[in-house]
């Protein structure tokens, strides 16, 4: 564990300042807000992965305090839930390791926290953050119905002959109220994992990483228990009301996790094939449509497992071992 000292805390505070500035920039540049919000997780992840929990805590506290002082306490709370806390927690999980002998492995190796479980935690944290944010803003049919009404009015202004069908409008309203939290949760899972991936590559390249570099196509899978959470969220979407909105958030966040694991499985299964590059390009382009994306998601659902990274202990002379799956 990294020793607590003023230098570590100062590095964390500097990362927190950077994260706060990125969030402030996101609030001032709506066109790049999503990218800047996701980028604000990078400083937290970098110091957490490279300098340990103390630096990550210092960064989170600093960024949250600056957000509360210069913007508002509610803004700082949302920023902490949506970006800072997930980033700090992911870096903590990534640095966890225990003797492989506790899992039935060799005595001279360390077993690192599985990437599948890290992704499970990320999906859960994003789900919680989106739900809390929705409660804070009073999200519900009252908000989304007004959005649909404004959209219909705009269409009528552009096309005076357009007459909205009341039944179709009602169906659109019931669909939008579930789609928005699902899309928000899914996008945020993907963007935060992208930030985690970039941070791990930077820290590994700098030589500060404790965790070994993992082969993402072979190790990025969802935890088996995620299937039950995903199915429970899917069932809740048919209940209506608040349970349906919560279920939609779960489906969006965990569905994004399965979608990413499906693409990882696709990358892994096409290795060494001559047609790999065009197949992957077509898969990513086709994923903008519902049916191909559903196929990739099912691929992720069908391949749930844990790939545990193993490294020698400090006193071991054995060479680095490849990932083992349990």
C-alpha atoms as a PDB file:
ATOM      1  CA  UNK A   1       0.000   0.000   0.000  1.00  0.00           C
ATOM      2  CA  UNK A   2       1.310   3.500  -0.834  1.00  0.00           C
ATOM      3  CA  UNK A   3       2.670   5.310   2.241  1.00  0.00           C
ATOM      4  CA  UNK A   4       0.672   8.347   3.311  1.00  0.00           C
ATOM      5  CA  UNK A   5       2.787  11.481   2.993  1.00  0.00           C
ATOM      6  CA  UNK A   6       2.306  15.144   2.083  1.00  0.00           C
ATOM      7  CA  UNK A   7       3.684  14.632  -1.425  1.00  0.00           C
ATOM      8  CA  UNK A   8       1.067  11.966  -2.169  1.00  0.00           C
ATOM      9  CA  UNK A   9      -1.716  14.206  -0.847  1.00  0.00           C
ATOM     10  CA  UNK A  10      -0.410  17.148  -2.875  1.00  0.00           C
ATOM     11  CA  UNK A  11      -0.364  15.059  -6.061  1.00  0.00           C
ATOM     12  CA  UNK A  12      -3.937  13.995  -5.331  1.00  0.00           C
ATOM     13  CA  UNK A  13      -5.010  17.583  -4.679  1.00  0.00           C
ATOM     14  CA  UNK A  14      -3.486  18.677  -7.995  1.00  0.00           C
ATOM     15  CA  UNK A  15      -5.403  15.906  -9.768  1.00  0.00           C
ATOM     16  CA  UNK A  16      -8.582  17.026  -8.008  1.00  0.00           C
ATOM     17  CA  UNK A  17      -8.005  20.595  -9.188  1.00  0.00           C
ATOM     18  CA  UNK A  18      -7.568  19.334 -12.747  1.00  0.00           C
ATOM     19  CA  UNK A  19     -10.766  17.286 -12.515  1.00  0.00           C
ATOM     20  CA  UNK A  20     -12.709  20.276 -11.163  1.00  0.00           C
ATOM     21  CA  UNK A  21     -11.453  22.507 -13.988  1.00  0.00           C
ATOM     22  CA  UNK A  22     -12.522  19.927 -16.568  1.00  0.00           C
ATOM     23  CA  UNK A  23     -16.011  19.741 -15.048  1.00  0.00           C
ATOM     24  CA  UNK A  24     -16.197  23.537 -14.979  1.00  0.00           C
ATOM     25  CA  UNK A  25     -15.197  23.602 -18.635  1.00  0.00           C
ATOM     26  CA  UNK A  26     -17.916  21.056 -19.383  1.00  0.00           C
ATOM     27  CA  UNK A  27     -20.533  23.300 -17.806  1.00  0.00           C
ATOM     28  CA  UNK A  28     -19.371  26.213 -19.975  1.00  0.00           C
ATOM     29  CA  UNK A  29     -19.060  24.262 -23.259  1.00  0.00           C
ATOM     30  CA  UNK A  30     -22.291  22.283 -23.746  1.00  0.00           C
ATOM     31  CA  UNK A  31     -21.148  20.935 -27.126  1.00  0.00           C
ATOM     32  CA  UNK A  32     -18.203  19.131 -25.487  1.00  0.00           C
ATOM     33  CA  UNK A  33     -19.765  18.563 -22.080  1.00  0.00           C
ATOM     34  CA  UNK A  34     -19.950  14.757 -22.272  1.00  0.00           C
ATOM     35  CA  UNK A  35     -16.305  14.415 -23.335  1.00  0.00           C
ATOM     36  CA  UNK A  36     -15.062  16.862 -20.707  1.00  0.00           C
ATOM     37  CA  UNK A  37     -17.123  15.243 -17.959  1.00  0.00           C
ATOM     38  CA  UNK A  38     -15.678  11.843 -18.848  1.00  0.00           C
ATOM     39  CA  UNK A  39     -12.185  13.324 -19.097  1.00  0.00           C
ATOM     40  CA  UNK A  40     -12.545  14.659 -15.538  1.00  0.00           C
ATOM     41  CA  UNK A  41     -12.345  11.047 -14.348  1.00  0.00           C
ATOM     42  CA  UNK A  42      -8.857  10.648 -15.866  1.00  0.00           C
ATOM     43  CA  UNK A  43      -6.911  12.637 -13.213  1.00  0.00           C
ATOM     44  CA  UNK A  44      -8.612  10.685 -10.414  1.00  0.00           C
ATOM     45  CA  UNK A  45      -7.888   7.362 -12.109  1.00  0.00           C
ATOM     46  CA  UNK A  46      -4.275   8.295 -12.854  1.00  0.00           C
ATOM     47  CA  UNK A  47      -3.373   9.209  -9.282  1.00  0.00           C
ATOM     48  CA  UNK A  48      -5.385   6.312  -7.858  1.00  0.00           C
ATOM     49  CA  UNK A  49      -3.717   3.745 -10.104  1.00  0.00           C
ATOM     50  CA  UNK A  50      -0.251   5.246  -9.761  1.00  0.00           C
ATOM     51  CA  UNK A  51      -0.106   6.574  -6.195  1.00  0.00           C
ATOM     52  CA  UNK A  52      -2.794   4.627  -4.348  1.00  0.00           C
ATOM     53  CA  UNK A  53      -5.930   5.267  -2.316  1.00  0.00           C
ATOM     54  CA  UNK A  54      -4.619   8.256  -0.363  1.00  0.00           C
ATOM     55  CA  UNK A  55      -3.966  10.224  -3.539  1.00  0.00           C
ATOM     56  CA  UNK A  56      -7.352   9.231  -4.985  1.00  0.00           C
ATOM     57  CA  UNK A  57      -9.186  10.307  -1.806  1.00  0.00           C
ATOM     58  CA  UNK A  58      -7.309  13.603  -1.777  1.00  0.00           C
ATOM     59  CA  UNK A  59      -8.262  14.178  -5.417  1.00  0.00           C
ATOM     60  CA  UNK A  60     -11.943  13.382  -4.870  1.00  0.00           C
ATOM     61  CA  UNK A  61     -12.205  15.587  -1.772  1.00  0.00           C
ATOM     62  CA  UNK A  62     -10.393  18.478  -3.471  1.00  0.00           C
ATOM     63  CA  UNK A  63     -12.523  18.358  -6.602  1.00  0.00           C
ATOM     64  CA  UNK A  64     -15.767  18.063  -4.617  1.00  0.00           C
ATOM     65  CA  UNK A  65     -14.783  20.952  -2.332  1.00  0.00           C
ATOM     66  CA  UNK A  66     -13.914  23.193  -5.270  1.00  0.00           C
ATOM     67  CA  UNK A  67     -17.188  22.329  -6.980  1.00  0.00           C
ATOM     68  CA  UNK A  68     -19.163  23.165  -3.833  1.00  0.00           C
ATOM     69  CA  UNK A  69     -17.330  26.470  -3.318  1.00  0.00           C
ATOM     70  CA  UNK A  70     -17.328  27.817  -6.860  1.00  0.00           C
ATOM     71  CA  UNK A  71     -20.606  26.372  -8.169  1.00  0.00           C
ATOM     72  CA  UNK A  72     -22.955  24.796  -5.608  1.00  0.00           C
ATOM     73  CA  UNK A  73     -23.121  21.925  -3.112  1.00  0.00           C
ATOM     74  CA  UNK A  74     -25.729  20.125  -5.223  1.00  0.00           C
ATOM     75  CA  UNK A  75     -23.482  20.371  -8.284  1.00  0.00           C
ATOM     76  CA  UNK A  76     -20.587  18.997  -6.244  1.00  0.00           C
ATOM     77  CA  UNK A  77     -22.764  16.096  -5.088  1.00  0.00           C
ATOM     78  CA  UNK A  78     -23.753  15.194  -8.643  1.00  0.00           C
ATOM     79  CA  UNK A  79     -20.156  15.528  -9.821  1.00  0.00           C
ATOM     80  CA  UNK A  80     -18.980  13.252  -7.013  1.00  0.00           C
ATOM     81  CA  UNK A  81     -21.612  10.602  -7.675  1.00  0.00           C
ATOM     82  CA  UNK A  82     -21.324  10.608 -11.455  1.00  0.00           C
ATOM     83  CA  UNK A  83     -17.578  10.997 -12.001  1.00  0.00           C
ATOM     84  CA  UNK A  84     -15.329  11.346  -8.957  1.00  0.00           C
ATOM     85  CA  UNK A  85     -16.570   8.472  -6.809  1.00  0.00           C
ATOM     86  CA  UNK A  86     -16.691   5.887  -9.628  1.00  0.00           C
ATOM     87  CA  UNK A  87     -13.176   6.865 -10.748  1.00  0.00           C
ATOM     88  CA  UNK A  88     -11.750   6.643  -7.244  1.00  0.00           C
ATOM     89  CA  UNK A  89     -13.468   3.328  -6.541  1.00  0.00           C
ATOM     90  CA  UNK A  90     -12.322   1.777  -9.838  1.00  0.00           C
ATOM     91  CA  UNK A  91      -8.713   2.709  -9.091  1.00  0.00           C
ATOM     92  CA  UNK A  92      -9.064   1.172  -5.613  1.00  0.00           C
ATOM     93  CA  UNK A  93     -10.432  -2.091  -7.020  1.00  0.00           C
ATOM     94  CA  UNK A  94      -7.771  -2.238  -9.723  1.00  0.00           C
ATOM     95  CA  UNK A  95      -5.024  -2.121  -7.079  1.00  0.00           C
ATOM     96  CA  UNK A  96      -6.457  -4.972  -4.993  1.00  0.00           C
ATOM     97  CA  UNK A  97      -4.512  -8.218  -5.013  1.00  0.00           C
ATOM     98  CA  UNK A  98      -4.120 -11.310  -2.831  1.00  0.00           C
ATOM     99  CA  UNK A  99      -1.984 -14.458  -2.862  1.00  0.00           C
ATOM    100  CA  UNK A 100      -3.004 -16.792  -5.650  1.00  0.00           C
ATOM    101  CA  UNK A 101      -2.722 -19.667  -3.193  1.00  0.00           C
ATOM    102  CA  UNK A 102      -5.971 -18.479  -1.590  1.00  0.00           C
ATOM    103  CA  UNK A 103      -7.685 -19.287  -4.889  1.00  0.00           C
ATOM    104  CA  UNK A 104      -5.918 -22.594  -5.358  1.00  0.00           C
ATOM    105  CA  UNK A 105      -3.082 -21.164  -7.441  1.00  0.00           C
ATOM    106  CA  UNK A 106       0.719 -21.199  -7.040  1.00  0.00           C
ATOM    107  CA  UNK A 107       2.281 -19.825  -3.853  1.00  0.00           C
ATOM    108  CA  UNK A 108       4.628 -17.421  -5.644  1.00  0.00           C
ATOM    109  CA  UNK A 109       1.944 -15.466  -7.541  1.00  0.00           C
ATOM    110  CA  UNK A 110      -0.464 -12.634  -6.774  1.00  0.00           C
ATOM    111  CA  UNK A 111      -4.041 -12.668  -8.068  1.00  0.00           C
ATOM    112  CA  UNK A 112      -5.453  -9.266  -9.004  1.00  0.00           C
ATOM    113  CA  UNK A 113      -9.074  -8.191  -8.696  1.00  0.00           C
ATOM    114  CA  UNK A 114     -10.891  -9.508 -11.803  1.00  0.00           C
ATOM    115  CA  UNK A 115     -11.723  -7.038 -14.550  1.00  0.00           C
ATOM    116  CA  UNK A 116     -15.194  -8.601 -14.805  1.00  0.00           C
ATOM    117  CA  UNK A 117     -15.918  -7.608 -11.193  1.00  0.00           C
ATOM    118  CA  UNK A 118     -14.526  -4.110 -11.790  1.00  0.00           C
ATOM    119  CA  UNK A 119     -16.970  -3.718 -14.685  1.00  0.00           C
ATOM    120  CA  UNK A 120     -19.793  -5.002 -12.460  1.00  0.00           C
ATOM    121  CA  UNK A 121     -19.003  -2.335  -9.861  1.00  0.00           C
ATOM    122  CA  UNK A 122     -18.868   0.337 -12.567  1.00  0.00           C
ATOM    123  CA  UNK A 123     -22.320  -0.588 -13.866  1.00  0.00           C
ATOM    124  CA  UNK A 124     -23.710  -0.562 -10.338  1.00  0.00           C
ATOM    125  CA  UNK A 125     -22.165   2.814  -9.490  1.00  0.00           C
ATOM    126  CA  UNK A 126     -23.452   4.414 -12.691  1.00  0.00           C
ATOM    127  CA  UNK A 127     -26.931   2.998 -12.066  1.00  0.00           C
ATOM    128  CA  UNK A 128     -26.930   4.455  -8.544  1.00  0.00           C
ATOM    129  CA  UNK A 129     -25.616   7.826  -9.761  1.00  0.00           C
ATOM    130  CA  UNK A 130     -28.248   8.147 -12.503  1.00  0.00           C
ATOM    131  CA  UNK A 131     -31.058   7.222 -10.088  1.00  0.00           C
ATOM    132  CA  UNK A 132     -29.916   9.738  -7.446  1.00  0.00           C
ATOM    133  CA  UNK A 133     -29.477  12.446 -10.084  1.00  0.00           C
ATOM    134  CA  UNK A 134     -32.968  11.720 -11.387  1.00  0.00           C
ATOM    135  CA  UNK A 135     -34.395  12.083  -7.884  1.00  0.00           C
ATOM    136  CA  UNK A 136     -32.578  15.404  -7.410  1.00  0.00           C
ATOM    137  CA  UNK A 137     -33.947  16.912 -10.639  1.00  0.00           C
ATOM    138  CA  UNK A 138     -37.410  15.388 -10.199  1.00  0.00           C
ATOM    139  CA  UNK A 139     -37.155  13.264 -13.330  1.00  0.00           C
ATOM    140  CA  UNK A 140     -40.388  11.680 -14.470  1.00  0.00           C
ATOM    141  CA  UNK A 141     -43.215  11.834 -17.008  1.00  0.00           C
ATOM    142  CA  UNK A 142     -43.843  15.488 -16.163  1.00  0.00           C
ATOM    143  CA  UNK A 143     -40.475  16.426 -17.652  1.00  0.00           C
ATOM    144  CA  UNK A 144     -40.403  14.050 -20.606  1.00  0.00           C
ATOM    145  CA  UNK A 145     -44.021  14.739 -21.600  1.00  0.00           C
ATOM    146  CA  UNK A 146     -43.187  18.418 -21.933  1.00  0.00           C
ATOM    147  CA  UNK A 147     -40.187  17.537 -24.093  1.00  0.00           C
ATOM    148  CA  UNK A 148     -42.366  15.454 -26.422  1.00  0.00           C
ATOM    149  CA  UNK A 149     -45.006  18.211 -26.575  1.00  0.00           C
ATOM    150  CA  UNK A 150     -42.347  20.762 -27.526  1.00  0.00           C
ATOM    151  CA  UNK A 151     -41.042  18.403 -30.206  1.00  0.00           C
ATOM    152  CA  UNK A 152     -44.521  17.903 -31.664  1.00  0.00           C
ATOM    153  CA  UNK A 153     -45.166  21.650 -31.630  1.00  0.00           C
ATOM    154  CA  UNK A 154     -41.878  22.236 -33.448  1.00  0.00           C
ATOM    155  CA  UNK A 155     -42.815  19.681 -36.090  1.00  0.00           C
ATOM    156  CA  UNK A 156     -46.184  21.379 -36.598  1.00  0.00           C
ATOM    157  CA  UNK A 157     -44.477  24.733 -37.074  1.00  0.00           C
ATOM    158  CA  UNK A 158     -42.178  23.270 -39.715  1.00  0.00           C
ATOM    159  CA  UNK A 159     -44.922  21.252 -41.406  1.00  0.00           C
ATOM    160  CA  UNK A 160     -48.351  22.883 -40.928  1.00  0.00           C
ATOM    161  CA  UNK A 161     -50.070  19.851 -42.455  1.00  0.00           C
ATOM    162  CA  UNK A 162     -48.639  17.554 -39.792  1.00  0.00           C
ATOM    163  CA  UNK A 163     -51.296  16.382 -37.315  1.00  0.00           C
ATOM    164  CA  UNK A 164     -49.899  14.286 -34.432  1.00  0.00           C
ATOM    165  CA  UNK A 165     -51.747  11.083 -33.638  1.00  0.00           C
ATOM    166  CA  UNK A 166     -52.799  11.102 -29.953  1.00  0.00           C
ATOM    167  CA  UNK A 167     -52.147   7.366 -29.602  1.00  0.00           C
ATOM    168  CA  UNK A 168     -48.706   7.609 -31.187  1.00  0.00           C
ATOM    169  CA  UNK A 169     -47.899  10.643 -29.051  1.00  0.00           C
ATOM    170  CA  UNK A 170     -48.864   8.793 -25.878  1.00  0.00           C
ATOM    171  CA  UNK A 171     -46.707   5.820 -26.902  1.00  0.00           C
ATOM    172  CA  UNK A 172     -43.797   8.138 -27.624  1.00  0.00           C
ATOM    173  CA  UNK A 173     -44.122   9.718 -24.195  1.00  0.00           C
ATOM    174  CA  UNK A 174     -44.148   6.353 -22.442  1.00  0.00           C
ATOM    175  CA  UNK A 175     -41.099   5.292 -24.436  1.00  0.00           C
ATOM    176  CA  UNK A 176     -39.055   8.463 -23.939  1.00  0.00           C
ATOM    177  CA  UNK A 177     -39.416   8.401 -20.158  1.00  0.00           C
ATOM    178  CA  UNK A 178     -37.664   5.013 -20.148  1.00  0.00           C
ATOM    179  CA  UNK A 179     -35.198   5.627 -22.956  1.00  0.00           C
ATOM    180  CA  UNK A 180     -33.499   8.681 -21.485  1.00  0.00           C
ATOM    181  CA  UNK A 181     -32.206   7.067 -18.250  1.00  0.00           C
ATOM    182  CA  UNK A 182     -31.265   3.908 -20.149  1.00  0.00           C
ATOM    183  CA  UNK A 183     -29.261   5.852 -22.737  1.00  0.00           C
ATOM    184  CA  UNK A 184     -27.666   8.057 -20.082  1.00  0.00           C
ATOM    185  CA  UNK A 185     -26.602   5.063 -18.010  1.00  0.00           C
ATOM    186  CA  UNK A 186     -25.259   3.170 -21.015  1.00  0.00           C
ATOM    187  CA  UNK A 187     -23.271   6.076 -22.414  1.00  0.00           C
ATOM    188  CA  UNK A 188     -21.769   6.856 -19.027  1.00  0.00           C
ATOM    189  CA  UNK A 189     -20.628   3.269 -18.436  1.00  0.00           C
ATOM    190  CA  UNK A 190     -18.868   3.228 -21.813  1.00  0.00           C
ATOM    191  CA  UNK A 191     -17.220   6.627 -21.305  1.00  0.00           C
ATOM    192  CA  UNK A 192     -16.014   5.887 -17.777  1.00  0.00           C
ATOM    193  CA  UNK A 193     -14.594   2.547 -18.830  1.00  0.00           C
ATOM    194  CA  UNK A 194     -12.855   4.285 -21.734  1.00  0.00           C
ATOM    195  CA  UNK A 195     -11.324   6.692 -19.205  1.00  0.00           C
ATOM    196  CA  UNK A 196     -10.223   3.724 -17.074  1.00  0.00           C
ATOM    197  CA  UNK A 197      -8.673   2.027 -20.112  1.00  0.00           C
ATOM    198  CA  UNK A 198      -6.757   5.161 -21.119  1.00  0.00           C
ATOM    199  CA  UNK A 199      -5.594   5.741 -17.537  1.00  0.00           C
ATOM    200  CA  UNK A 200      -4.289   2.177 -17.193  1.00  0.00           C
ATOM    201  CA  UNK A 201      -2.323   2.485 -20.425  1.00  0.00           C
ATOM    202  CA  UNK A 202      -0.776   5.797 -19.303  1.00  0.00           C
ATOM    203  CA  UNK A 203       0.145   4.473 -15.870  1.00  0.00           C
ATOM    204  CA  UNK A 204       1.611   1.251 -17.297  1.00  0.00           C
ATOM    205  CA  UNK A 205       3.677   3.250 -19.813  1.00  0.00           C
ATOM    206  CA  UNK A 206       4.985   5.479 -17.004  1.00  0.00           C
ATOM    207  CA  UNK A 207       6.045   2.497 -14.917  1.00  0.00           C
ATOM    208  CA  UNK A 208       3.904   3.536 -11.938  1.00  0.00           C
ATOM    209  CA  UNK A 209       1.276   0.829 -12.313  1.00  0.00           C
ATOM    210  CA  UNK A 210       0.940  -1.850  -9.656  1.00  0.00           C
ATOM    211  CA  UNK A 211      -1.481  -3.915 -11.738  1.00  0.00           C
ATOM    212  CA  UNK A 212      -0.153  -5.773 -14.783  1.00  0.00           C
ATOM    213  CA  UNK A 213      -1.328  -4.795 -18.239  1.00  0.00           C
ATOM    214  CA  UNK A 214      -4.207  -7.057 -19.231  1.00  0.00           C
ATOM    215  CA  UNK A 215      -5.278  -8.319 -22.603  1.00  0.00           C
ATOM    216  CA  UNK A 216      -8.691  -6.657 -22.870  1.00  0.00           C
ATOM    217  CA  UNK A 217     -10.168  -8.908 -25.612  1.00  0.00           C
ATOM    218  CA  UNK A 218      -9.587 -12.020 -23.501  1.00  0.00           C
ATOM    219  CA  UNK A 219     -10.236 -10.584 -20.023  1.00  0.00           C
ATOM    220  CA  UNK A 220     -13.092  -8.063 -20.484  1.00  0.00           C
ATOM    221  CA  UNK A 221     -16.201 -10.053 -19.613  1.00  0.00           C
ATOM    222  CA  UNK A 222     -19.131  -9.427 -17.296  1.00  0.00           C
ATOM    223  CA  UNK A 223     -19.554 -11.203 -13.974  1.00  0.00           C
ATOM    224  CA  UNK A 224     -22.048 -14.074 -14.141  1.00  0.00           C
ATOM    225  CA  UNK A 225     -24.214 -12.433 -11.468  1.00  0.00           C
ATOM    226  CA  UNK A 226     -24.687  -9.450 -13.780  1.00  0.00           C
ATOM    227  CA  UNK A 227     -27.118 -11.497 -15.851  1.00  0.00           C
ATOM    228  CA  UNK A 228     -29.588 -11.710 -12.975  1.00  0.00           C
ATOM    229  CA  UNK A 229     -29.344  -7.976 -12.309  1.00  0.00           C
ATOM    230  CA  UNK A 230     -29.886  -7.239 -15.992  1.00  0.00           C
ATOM    231  CA  UNK A 231     -32.923  -9.542 -16.178  1.00  0.00           C
ATOM    232  CA  UNK A 232     -34.385  -8.041 -12.994  1.00  0.00           C
ATOM    233  CA  UNK A 233     -34.059  -4.562 -14.498  1.00  0.00           C
ATOM    234  CA  UNK A 234     -35.652  -5.760 -17.727  1.00  0.00           C
ATOM    235  CA  UNK A 235     -38.615  -7.209 -15.805  1.00  0.00           C
ATOM    236  CA  UNK A 236     -39.009  -3.966 -13.837  1.00  0.00           C
ATOM    237  CA  UNK A 237     -39.433  -1.935 -17.036  1.00  0.00           C
ATOM    238  CA  UNK A 238     -42.823  -3.625 -17.551  1.00  0.00           C
ATOM    239  CA  UNK A 239     -44.133  -2.607 -14.112  1.00  0.00           C
ATOM    240  CA  UNK A 240     -44.662   1.049 -14.955  1.00  0.00           C
ATOM    241  CA  UNK A 241     -44.016   4.105 -12.822  1.00  0.00           C
ATOM    242  CA  UNK A 242     -40.857   4.481 -10.732  1.00  0.00           C
ATOM    243  CA  UNK A 243     -39.886   0.769 -10.904  1.00  0.00           C
ATOM    244  CA  UNK A 244     -39.927   0.973 -14.698  1.00  0.00           C
ATOM    245  CA  UNK A 245     -37.609   4.002 -14.723  1.00  0.00           C
ATOM    246  CA  UNK A 246     -35.224   2.298 -12.282  1.00  0.00           C
ATOM    247  CA  UNK A 247     -35.351  -0.867 -14.375  1.00  0.00           C
ATOM    248  CA  UNK A 248     -34.586   1.099 -17.533  1.00  0.00           C
ATOM    249  CA  UNK A 249     -31.532   2.607 -15.840  1.00  0.00           C
ATOM    250  CA  UNK A 250     -30.329  -0.866 -14.844  1.00  0.00           C
ATOM    251  CA  UNK A 251     -30.897  -2.197 -18.365  1.00  0.00           C
ATOM    252  CA  UNK A 252     -28.997   0.722 -19.908  1.00  0.00           C
ATOM    253  CA  UNK A 253     -25.985   0.547 -17.583  1.00  0.00           C
ATOM    254  CA  UNK A 254     -25.611  -3.224 -17.439  1.00  0.00           C
ATOM    255  CA  UNK A 255     -26.558  -3.577 -21.105  1.00  0.00           C
ATOM    256  CA  UNK A 256     -23.610  -1.322 -21.943  1.00  0.00           C
ATOM    257  CA  UNK A 257     -21.373  -3.611 -19.901  1.00  0.00           C
ATOM    258  CA  UNK A 258     -22.575  -6.659 -21.825  1.00  0.00           C
ATOM    259  CA  UNK A 259     -22.210  -4.749 -25.093  1.00  0.00           C
ATOM    260  CA  UNK A 260     -18.564  -3.955 -24.334  1.00  0.00           C
ATOM    261  CA  UNK A 261     -17.865  -7.535 -23.295  1.00  0.00           C
ATOM    262  CA  UNK A 262     -19.538  -8.700 -26.512  1.00  0.00           C
ATOM    263  CA  UNK A 263     -17.215  -6.551 -28.585  1.00  0.00           C
ATOM    264  CA  UNK A 264     -14.242  -7.804 -26.560  1.00  0.00           C
ATOM    265  CA  UNK A 265     -15.314 -11.388 -27.278  1.00  0.00           C
ATOM    266  CA  UNK A 266     -15.653 -10.500 -30.965  1.00  0.00           C
ATOM    267  CA  UNK A 267     -12.117  -9.066 -30.994  1.00  0.00           C
ATOM    268  CA  UNK A 268     -10.819 -12.200 -29.274  1.00  0.00           C
ATOM    269  CA  UNK A 269     -12.590 -14.677 -31.554  1.00  0.00           C
ATOM    270  CA  UNK A 270     -11.466 -12.956 -34.761  1.00  0.00           C
ATOM    271  CA  UNK A 271      -7.776 -12.902 -33.867  1.00  0.00           C
ATOM    272  CA  UNK A 272      -5.573 -14.265 -36.612  1.00  0.00           C
ATOM    273  CA  UNK A 273      -8.341 -14.144 -39.223  1.00  0.00           C
ATOM    274  CA  UNK A 274      -7.650 -12.465 -42.551  1.00  0.00           C
ATOM    275  CA  UNK A 275     -11.091 -10.864 -42.550  1.00  0.00           C
ATOM    276  CA  UNK A 276     -10.773  -9.532 -38.983  1.00  0.00           C
ATOM    277  CA  UNK A 277     -10.365  -5.807 -39.743  1.00  0.00           C
ATOM    278  CA  UNK A 278     -13.285  -5.409 -42.180  1.00  0.00           C
ATOM    279  CA  UNK A 279     -15.477  -7.581 -39.929  1.00  0.00           C
ATOM    280  CA  UNK A 280     -14.757  -5.404 -36.902  1.00  0.00           C
ATOM    281  CA  UNK A 281     -15.313  -2.184 -38.852  1.00  0.00           C
ATOM    282  CA  UNK A 282     -18.656  -3.449 -40.154  1.00  0.00           C
ATOM    283  CA  UNK A 283     -19.634  -4.582 -36.654  1.00  0.00           C
ATOM    284  CA  UNK A 284     -18.958  -1.164 -35.142  1.00  0.00           C
ATOM    285  CA  UNK A 285     -20.781   0.638 -37.948  1.00  0.00           C
ATOM    286  CA  UNK A 286     -23.751  -1.746 -37.791  1.00  0.00           C
ATOM    287  CA  UNK A 287     -23.949  -1.326 -34.013  1.00  0.00           C
ATOM    288  CA  UNK A 288     -25.517   2.100 -34.562  1.00  0.00           C
ATOM    289  CA  UNK A 289     -28.697   0.140 -35.394  1.00  0.00           C
ATOM    290  CA  UNK A 290     -30.760  -1.768 -32.849  1.00  0.00           C
ATOM    291  CA  UNK A 291     -30.644  -5.316 -34.219  1.00  0.00           C
ATOM    292  CA  UNK A 292     -26.856  -5.627 -34.712  1.00  0.00           C
ATOM    293  CA  UNK A 293     -26.272  -4.042 -31.281  1.00  0.00           C
ATOM    294  CA  UNK A 294     -28.652  -6.599 -29.778  1.00  0.00           C
ATOM    295  CA  UNK A 295     -26.641  -9.397 -31.383  1.00  0.00           C
ATOM    296  CA  UNK A 296     -23.393  -8.082 -29.835  1.00  0.00           C
ATOM    297  CA  UNK A 297     -25.152  -7.732 -26.477  1.00  0.00           C
ATOM    298  CA  UNK A 298     -26.327 -11.353 -26.658  1.00  0.00           C
ATOM    299  CA  UNK A 299     -22.744 -12.350 -27.448  1.00  0.00           C
ATOM    300  CA  UNK A 300     -21.692 -10.646 -24.231  1.00  0.00           C
ATOM    301  CA  UNK A 301     -24.491 -12.346 -22.298  1.00  0.00           C
ATOM    302  CA  UNK A 302     -23.401 -15.739 -23.607  1.00  0.00           C
ATOM    303  CA  UNK A 303     -19.770 -15.323 -22.499  1.00  0.00           C
ATOM    304  CA  UNK A 304     -19.621 -14.418 -18.806  1.00  0.00           C
ATOM    305  CA  UNK A 305     -16.530 -15.426 -16.855  1.00  0.00           C
ATOM    306  CA  UNK A 306     -13.624 -14.180 -14.758  1.00  0.00           C
ATOM    307  CA  UNK A 307     -10.103 -13.726 -16.081  1.00  0.00           C
ATOM    308  CA  UNK A 308      -7.728 -13.148 -13.179  1.00  0.00           C
ATOM    309  CA  UNK A 309      -4.363 -11.504 -13.848  1.00  0.00           C
ATOM    310  CA  UNK A 310      -1.449 -13.208 -12.067  1.00  0.00           C
ATOM    311  CA  UNK A 311       1.962 -11.705 -11.318  1.00  0.00           C
ATOM    312  CA  UNK A 312       4.929 -12.945  -9.308  1.00  0.00           C
ATOM    313  CA  UNK A 313       5.286 -11.792  -5.725  1.00  0.00           C
ATOM    314  CA  UNK A 314       8.179  -9.461  -4.942  1.00  0.00           C
ATOM    315  CA  UNK A 315      10.375 -12.280  -3.707  1.00  0.00           C
ATOM    316  CA  UNK A 316       9.627 -14.573  -6.678  1.00  0.00           C
ATOM    317  CA  UNK A 317      12.049 -15.023  -9.515  1.00  0.00           C
ATOM    318  CA  UNK A 318       9.573 -16.732 -11.803  1.00  0.00           C
ATOM    319  CA  UNK A 319       8.645 -14.977 -15.057  1.00  0.00           C
ATOM    320  CA  UNK A 320       5.312 -13.242 -15.429  1.00  0.00           C
ATOM    321  CA  UNK A 321       2.484 -15.699 -15.989  1.00  0.00           C
ATOM    322  CA  UNK A 322      -0.421 -15.244 -18.387  1.00  0.00           C
ATOM    323  CA  UNK A 323      -3.969 -14.650 -17.211  1.00  0.00           C
ATOM    324  CA  UNK A 324      -5.783 -17.655 -15.812  1.00  0.00           C
ATOM    325  CA  UNK A 325      -9.549 -18.057 -15.936  1.00  0.00           C
ATOM    326  CA  UNK A 326     -11.778 -19.301 -13.161  1.00  0.00           C
END
